[in-house]
Amino acid sequence: MAISKDLLDILVCPLCKADLELLAGETGLKCVQCKRVYPIRDDIPVMLPDEARLEE
């Protein structure tokens, strides 16, 4: 099951409050501002800063 467009429209980065974009393969959500990637596990976005990784 994919992340719905409606959910993606309301989710923001918990640290900087910027928009998120869905990574290819739907493996994570990447912040457009601070470049943190929040993982998606079992079709659920894990929006915890401690779980995020930085990606350029």
C-alpha atoms as a PDB file:
ATOM      1  CA  MET A   1       0.000   0.000   0.000  1.00  0.00           C
ATOM      2  CA  ALA A   2       1.409   3.352  -1.021  1.00  0.00           C
ATOM      3  CA  ILE A   3       1.517   6.517   1.038  1.00  0.00           C
ATOM      4  CA  SER A   4      -1.562   8.484   0.016  1.00  0.00           C
ATOM      5  CA  LYS A   5      -1.263  11.906  -1.580  1.00  0.00           C
ATOM      6  CA  ASP A   6      -3.574  13.314   1.122  1.00  0.00           C
ATOM      7  CA  LEU A   7      -1.257  12.102   3.884  1.00  0.00           C
ATOM      8  CA  LEU A   8       1.824  13.400   2.084  1.00  0.00           C
ATOM      9  CA  ASP A   9       0.153  16.815   1.765  1.00  0.00           C
ATOM     10  CA  ILE A  10      -0.246  17.210   5.539  1.00  0.00           C
ATOM     11  CA  LEU A  11       3.013  15.650   6.776  1.00  0.00           C
ATOM     12  CA  VAL A  12       5.929  17.990   7.478  1.00  0.00           C
ATOM     13  CA  CYS A  13       9.391  17.520   8.923  1.00  0.00           C
ATOM     14  CA  PRO A  14       9.081  17.459  12.720  1.00  0.00           C
ATOM     15  CA  LEU A  15      12.308  19.469  13.084  1.00  0.00           C
ATOM     16  CA  CYS A  16      12.118  22.284  10.536  1.00  0.00           C
ATOM     17  CA  LYS A  17       8.428  22.030   9.471  1.00  0.00           C
ATOM     18  CA  ALA A  18       9.299  21.921   5.742  1.00  0.00           C
ATOM     19  CA  ASP A  19       7.525  19.772   3.153  1.00  0.00           C
ATOM     20  CA  LEU A  20       8.473  16.145   2.544  1.00  0.00           C
ATOM     21  CA  GLU A  21       8.923  14.270  -0.700  1.00  0.00           C
ATOM     22  CA  LEU A  22       8.488  10.557  -1.241  1.00  0.00           C
ATOM     23  CA  LEU A  23      11.679   8.723  -2.194  1.00  0.00           C
ATOM     24  CA  ALA A  24      11.766   6.365  -5.163  1.00  0.00           C
ATOM     25  CA  GLY A  25      10.691   2.915  -4.088  1.00  0.00           C
ATOM     26  CA  GLU A  26       8.687   4.461  -1.245  1.00  0.00           C
ATOM     27  CA  THR A  27      11.425   3.649   1.282  1.00  0.00           C
ATOM     28  CA  GLY A  28      11.291   7.010   3.029  1.00  0.00           C
ATOM     29  CA  LEU A  29      10.182  10.619   3.183  1.00  0.00           C
ATOM     30  CA  LYS A  30      12.859  13.256   2.572  1.00  0.00           C
ATOM     31  CA  CYS A  31      12.675  16.788   3.927  1.00  0.00           C
ATOM     32  CA  VAL A  32      13.184  19.343   1.159  1.00  0.00           C
ATOM     33  CA  GLN A  33      14.945  21.754   3.516  1.00  0.00           C
ATOM     34  CA  CYS A  34      17.124  19.894   6.050  1.00  0.00           C
ATOM     35  CA  LYS A  35      17.528  16.721   3.886  1.00  0.00           C
ATOM     36  CA  ARG A  36      16.596  14.292   6.670  1.00  0.00           C
ATOM     37  CA  VAL A  37      15.068  11.025   5.486  1.00  0.00           C
ATOM     38  CA  TYR A  38      12.378   9.467   7.655  1.00  0.00           C
ATOM     39  CA  PRO A  39      11.940   5.735   7.028  1.00  0.00           C
ATOM     40  CA  ILE A  40       8.706   4.044   6.022  1.00  0.00           C
ATOM     41  CA  ARG A  41       8.182   0.721   7.801  1.00  0.00           C
ATOM     42  CA  ASP A  42       5.187  -1.502   7.048  1.00  0.00           C
ATOM     43  CA  ASP A  43       3.624   1.385   5.089  1.00  0.00           C
ATOM     44  CA  ILE A  44       3.860   3.684   8.134  1.00  0.00           C
ATOM     45  CA  PRO A  45       6.103   6.786   8.096  1.00  0.00           C
ATOM     46  CA  VAL A  46       8.345   6.875  11.173  1.00  0.00           C
ATOM     47  CA  MET A  47       8.481  10.602  11.882  1.00  0.00           C
ATOM     48  CA  LEU A  48      10.907  10.472  14.818  1.00  0.00           C
ATOM     49  CA  PRO A  49      14.032  12.664  14.534  1.00  0.00           C
ATOM     50  CA  ASP A  50      16.138   9.928  16.158  1.00  0.00           C
ATOM     51  CA  GLU A  51      15.116   7.505  13.377  1.00  0.00           C
ATOM     52  CA  ALA A  52      15.975   9.920  10.544  1.00  0.00           C
ATOM     53  CA  ARG A  53      19.207   9.939   8.608  1.00  0.00           C
ATOM     54  CA  LEU A  54      20.838  12.824   6.758  1.00  0.00           C
ATOM     55  CA  GLU A  55      21.115  12.494   2.999  1.00  0.00           C
ATOM     56  CA  GLU A  56      22.454  14.924   0.445  1.00  0.00           C
END
